[in-house]
Every structure is written in C-alpha cells, then in structure tokens.
Amino acid sequence: MGRRVSRYRGPHARQPGYARDGKVVVFFRSGQMDALRYSTFGVSPQAALDEESGLWPTSYALIDPTDAARSALADVVRRAGAND
C-alpha cells in the first residue's frame, strides 16, 4: 500500500487538501475567496499523476459537481495518496 495521506488545512479555512509525507498532493480553493464563479480542485507536482500521453490535468474547475464528478475527484485523491 502507498504512503499515508493526511488531511491538510491551508492558510485559510477554505483551502483544505491532502498531504503525503508532509507535502500537499491535492488541494481545494474556494472561488468565494476571490469572488470567482468557480472553485478549484488542484493537484501538486508531488502527486506525480503523470500520464503516458504526456498530458494530464493539474486542476479542475468546480461549480456544482455531480456525483460522477465527486467520484472522479475521489479517484484522483486515492491515486495521489497511493503514488510512490
């Protein structure tokens, strides 16, 4: 099994995330903080989710995510936490 992933809270209450070995791998930033129309779910380089194609997302825009979108984000969190 991969290393332990722990909850992380950024400098603001609306910036939670998950860390592995003390380094943030995924994070959430509320769009309300900057008066944006969407929030951001981001992936740090430490997550190392590189795709063979050489192309992969480093962030996702969220307005009102569906259950399918939440499931996809949960998969990203699992992959980021399990990566060695």
N, C-alpha and C. Protein backbone atom coordinates (compact mmCIF):
# COMPACT_ATOMS: atom_id res chain seq x y z
N MET A 1 0.84 -1.18 0.00
CA MET A 1 0.00 0.00 0.00
C MET A 1 0.89 1.24 0.00
N GLY A 2 0.36 2.36 -0.51
CA GLY A 2 1.11 3.61 -0.59
C GLY A 2 1.32 4.26 0.77
N ARG A 3 2.00 5.36 0.73
CA ARG A 3 2.24 6.11 1.95
C ARG A 3 0.97 6.70 2.49
N ARG A 4 1.00 7.08 3.74
CA ARG A 4 -0.18 7.64 4.39
C ARG A 4 -0.48 9.04 3.86
N VAL A 5 -1.73 9.27 3.54
CA VAL A 5 -2.20 10.59 3.11
C VAL A 5 -2.99 11.17 4.26
N SER A 6 -2.65 12.38 4.65
CA SER A 6 -3.34 13.01 5.76
C SER A 6 -4.01 14.29 5.30
N ARG A 7 -5.02 14.69 6.06
CA ARG A 7 -5.71 15.94 5.74
C ARG A 7 -4.77 17.10 6.01
N TYR A 8 -4.91 18.11 5.19
CA TYR A 8 -4.10 19.31 5.29
C TYR A 8 -5.04 20.50 5.25
N ARG A 9 -4.77 21.50 6.03
CA ARG A 9 -5.56 22.72 6.00
C ARG A 9 -4.62 23.85 5.64
N GLY A 10 -4.91 24.52 4.52
CA GLY A 10 -4.07 25.62 4.06
C GLY A 10 -4.16 26.82 4.98
N PRO A 11 -3.57 27.92 4.56
CA PRO A 11 -3.55 29.12 5.41
C PRO A 11 -4.93 29.71 5.66
N HIS A 12 -5.90 29.33 4.86
CA HIS A 12 -7.26 29.81 5.04
C HIS A 12 -8.18 28.61 5.23
N ALA A 13 -9.22 28.76 6.01
CA ALA A 13 -10.13 27.65 6.31
C ALA A 13 -10.75 27.05 5.06
N ARG A 14 -10.85 27.83 3.99
CA ARG A 14 -11.47 27.33 2.76
C ARG A 14 -10.46 26.73 1.80
N GLN A 15 -9.28 26.35 2.28
CA GLN A 15 -8.27 25.75 1.44
C GLN A 15 -7.81 24.40 2.00
N PRO A 16 -8.74 23.46 2.16
CA PRO A 16 -8.33 22.14 2.65
C PRO A 16 -7.64 21.34 1.55
N GLY A 17 -6.99 20.28 1.95
CA GLY A 17 -6.34 19.41 0.98
C GLY A 17 -5.87 18.14 1.65
N TYR A 18 -5.05 17.39 0.94
CA TYR A 18 -4.44 16.18 1.47
C TYR A 18 -2.96 16.23 1.22
N ALA A 19 -2.19 15.74 2.22
CA ALA A 19 -0.74 15.74 2.12
C ALA A 19 -0.21 14.32 2.26
N ARG A 20 0.92 14.07 1.63
CA ARG A 20 1.62 12.80 1.75
C ARG A 20 3.05 13.13 2.19
N ASP A 21 3.48 12.53 3.27
CA ASP A 21 4.82 12.80 3.81
C ASP A 21 5.05 14.29 4.04
N GLY A 22 4.00 14.98 4.49
CA GLY A 22 4.13 16.39 4.81
C GLY A 22 4.07 17.34 3.62
N LYS A 23 3.88 16.82 2.41
CA LYS A 23 3.81 17.67 1.21
C LYS A 23 2.41 17.56 0.60
N VAL A 24 1.81 18.70 0.31
CA VAL A 24 0.46 18.74 -0.23
C VAL A 24 0.45 18.06 -1.61
N VAL A 25 -0.52 17.15 -1.81
CA VAL A 25 -0.66 16.48 -3.10
C VAL A 25 -1.93 16.93 -3.84
N VAL A 26 -2.99 17.22 -3.11
CA VAL A 26 -4.21 17.78 -3.71
C VAL A 26 -4.76 18.85 -2.78
N PHE A 27 -5.45 19.83 -3.35
CA PHE A 27 -5.97 20.92 -2.54
C PHE A 27 -7.26 21.47 -3.14
N PHE A 28 -8.01 22.18 -2.33
CA PHE A 28 -9.24 22.83 -2.76
C PHE A 28 -9.14 24.31 -2.42
N ARG A 29 -9.52 25.13 -3.37
CA ARG A 29 -9.56 26.57 -3.13
C ARG A 29 -10.95 27.07 -3.49
N SER A 30 -11.62 27.66 -2.53
CA SER A 30 -12.97 28.17 -2.75
C SER A 30 -12.95 29.39 -3.65
N GLY A 31 -13.80 29.40 -4.63
CA GLY A 31 -13.92 30.57 -5.51
C GLY A 31 -14.51 31.77 -4.79
N GLN A 32 -15.19 31.52 -3.67
CA GLN A 32 -15.79 32.62 -2.92
C GLN A 32 -14.73 33.56 -2.36
N MET A 33 -13.55 33.02 -2.06
CA MET A 33 -12.48 33.87 -1.50
C MET A 33 -12.09 34.99 -2.46
N ASP A 34 -12.04 34.66 -3.75
CA ASP A 34 -11.59 35.63 -4.75
C ASP A 34 -12.75 36.13 -5.63
N ALA A 35 -13.98 35.87 -5.18
CA ALA A 35 -15.18 36.27 -5.92
C ALA A 35 -15.17 35.72 -7.34
N LEU A 36 -14.74 34.47 -7.48
CA LEU A 36 -14.74 33.81 -8.78
C LEU A 36 -16.03 33.02 -8.95
N ARG A 37 -16.37 32.67 -10.16
CA ARG A 37 -17.60 31.92 -10.40
C ARG A 37 -17.42 30.43 -10.15
N TYR A 38 -16.19 29.97 -9.93
CA TYR A 38 -15.95 28.55 -9.67
C TYR A 38 -14.87 28.37 -8.61
N SER A 39 -14.87 27.21 -7.99
CA SER A 39 -13.81 26.82 -7.05
C SER A 39 -12.82 25.95 -7.81
N THR A 40 -11.66 25.72 -7.23
CA THR A 40 -10.62 24.94 -7.89
C THR A 40 -10.18 23.77 -7.03
N PHE A 41 -10.12 22.59 -7.64
CA PHE A 41 -9.53 21.41 -7.03
C PHE A 41 -8.22 21.21 -7.78
N GLY A 42 -7.09 21.28 -7.07
CA GLY A 42 -5.80 21.22 -7.73
C GLY A 42 -4.95 20.03 -7.30
N VAL A 43 -4.00 19.71 -8.16
CA VAL A 43 -3.06 18.62 -7.94
C VAL A 43 -1.65 19.20 -7.98
N SER A 44 -0.84 18.93 -6.97
CA SER A 44 0.52 19.45 -6.94
C SER A 44 1.47 18.51 -7.69
N PRO A 45 2.66 18.99 -8.04
CA PRO A 45 3.64 18.11 -8.70
C PRO A 45 4.01 16.90 -7.84
N GLN A 46 3.91 17.02 -6.51
CA GLN A 46 4.23 15.90 -5.62
C GLN A 46 3.27 14.72 -5.79
N ALA A 47 2.10 14.96 -6.37
CA ALA A 47 1.14 13.88 -6.59
C ALA A 47 1.66 12.91 -7.65
N ALA A 48 2.48 13.40 -8.56
CA ALA A 48 3.10 12.58 -9.62
C ALA A 48 2.07 11.71 -10.33
N LEU A 49 1.04 12.34 -10.86
CA LEU A 49 -0.01 11.61 -11.58
C LEU A 49 0.22 11.63 -13.09
N ASP A 50 1.47 11.72 -13.50
CA ASP A 50 1.82 11.81 -14.91
C ASP A 50 1.15 10.70 -15.73
N GLU A 51 0.67 11.06 -16.89
CA GLU A 51 0.06 10.12 -17.82
C GLU A 51 1.08 9.76 -18.90
N GLU A 52 0.96 8.56 -19.45
CA GLU A 52 1.86 8.12 -20.51
C GLU A 52 1.80 9.03 -21.73
N SER A 53 0.65 9.65 -21.96
CA SER A 53 0.47 10.53 -23.12
C SER A 53 1.28 11.81 -22.99
N GLY A 54 1.72 12.12 -21.78
CA GLY A 54 2.43 13.37 -21.54
C GLY A 54 1.49 14.54 -21.25
N LEU A 55 0.19 14.27 -21.12
CA LEU A 55 -0.81 15.30 -20.87
C LEU A 55 -1.70 14.86 -19.71
N TRP A 56 -1.83 15.71 -18.70
CA TRP A 56 -2.72 15.41 -17.57
C TRP A 56 -3.13 16.72 -16.92
N PRO A 57 -4.31 16.73 -16.30
CA PRO A 57 -4.78 17.97 -15.66
C PRO A 57 -4.06 18.23 -14.34
N THR A 58 -3.87 19.50 -14.05
CA THR A 58 -3.30 19.88 -12.76
C THR A 58 -4.32 20.59 -11.89
N SER A 59 -5.49 20.90 -12.47
CA SER A 59 -6.58 21.48 -11.67
C SER A 59 -7.91 21.27 -12.40
N TYR A 60 -8.97 21.35 -11.61
CA TYR A 60 -10.33 21.19 -12.12
C TYR A 60 -11.16 22.36 -11.60
N ALA A 61 -12.03 22.90 -12.44
CA ALA A 61 -12.98 23.94 -12.03
C ALA A 61 -14.25 23.26 -11.53
N LEU A 62 -14.77 23.75 -10.40
CA LEU A 62 -15.98 23.18 -9.82
C LEU A 62 -17.03 24.26 -9.58
N ILE A 63 -18.24 24.02 -10.05
CA ILE A 63 -19.35 24.92 -9.74
C ILE A 63 -20.36 24.17 -8.89
N ASP A 64 -20.94 23.14 -9.44
CA ASP A 64 -21.91 22.31 -8.72
C ASP A 64 -21.67 20.86 -9.16
N PRO A 65 -20.62 20.22 -8.63
CA PRO A 65 -20.24 18.90 -9.14
C PRO A 65 -21.31 17.83 -8.92
N THR A 66 -21.46 16.98 -9.92
CA THR A 66 -22.37 15.85 -9.84
C THR A 66 -21.74 14.74 -9.01
N ASP A 67 -22.49 13.70 -8.74
CA ASP A 67 -21.93 12.55 -8.03
C ASP A 67 -20.80 11.92 -8.83
N ALA A 68 -20.93 11.89 -10.16
CA ALA A 68 -19.88 11.33 -11.01
C ALA A 68 -18.60 12.17 -10.90
N ALA A 69 -18.74 13.49 -10.85
CA ALA A 69 -17.58 14.36 -10.70
C ALA A 69 -16.92 14.15 -9.34
N ARG A 70 -17.72 14.03 -8.30
CA ARG A 70 -17.17 13.78 -6.95
C ARG A 70 -16.43 12.45 -6.91
N SER A 71 -16.97 11.45 -7.58
CA SER A 71 -16.32 10.15 -7.64
C SER A 71 -14.98 10.24 -8.37
N ALA A 72 -14.95 11.00 -9.46
CA ALA A 72 -13.70 11.19 -10.22
C ALA A 72 -12.66 11.91 -9.36
N LEU A 73 -13.07 12.92 -8.60
CA LEU A 73 -12.13 13.62 -7.72
C LEU A 73 -11.64 12.71 -6.61
N ALA A 74 -12.51 11.86 -6.07
CA ALA A 74 -12.09 10.91 -5.04
C ALA A 74 -11.03 9.96 -5.60
N ASP A 75 -11.18 9.58 -6.87
CA ASP A 75 -10.19 8.72 -7.51
C ASP A 75 -8.84 9.44 -7.62
N VAL A 76 -8.86 10.72 -7.96
CA VAL A 76 -7.62 11.50 -8.03
C VAL A 76 -6.95 11.53 -6.67
N VAL A 77 -7.72 11.74 -5.59
CA VAL A 77 -7.16 11.77 -4.24
C VAL A 77 -6.54 10.41 -3.91
N ARG A 78 -7.23 9.32 -4.24
CA ARG A 78 -6.68 7.97 -3.97
C ARG A 78 -5.38 7.75 -4.73
N ARG A 79 -5.36 8.12 -6.02
CA ARG A 79 -4.15 7.92 -6.82
C ARG A 79 -3.00 8.78 -6.30
N ALA A 80 -3.29 10.00 -5.90
CA ALA A 80 -2.24 10.88 -5.37
C ALA A 80 -1.68 10.33 -4.07
N GLY A 81 -2.53 9.72 -3.27
CA GLY A 81 -2.08 9.17 -1.98
C GLY A 81 -1.33 7.88 -2.11
N ALA A 82 -1.64 7.10 -3.15
CA ALA A 82 -1.03 5.78 -3.31
C ALA A 82 0.27 5.84 -4.09
N ASN A 83 0.53 6.94 -4.75
CA ASN A 83 1.72 7.05 -5.60
C ASN A 83 2.99 7.03 -4.78
N ASP A 84 3.96 6.26 -5.22
CA ASP A 84 5.26 6.19 -4.51
C ASP A 84 6.33 6.97 -5.17
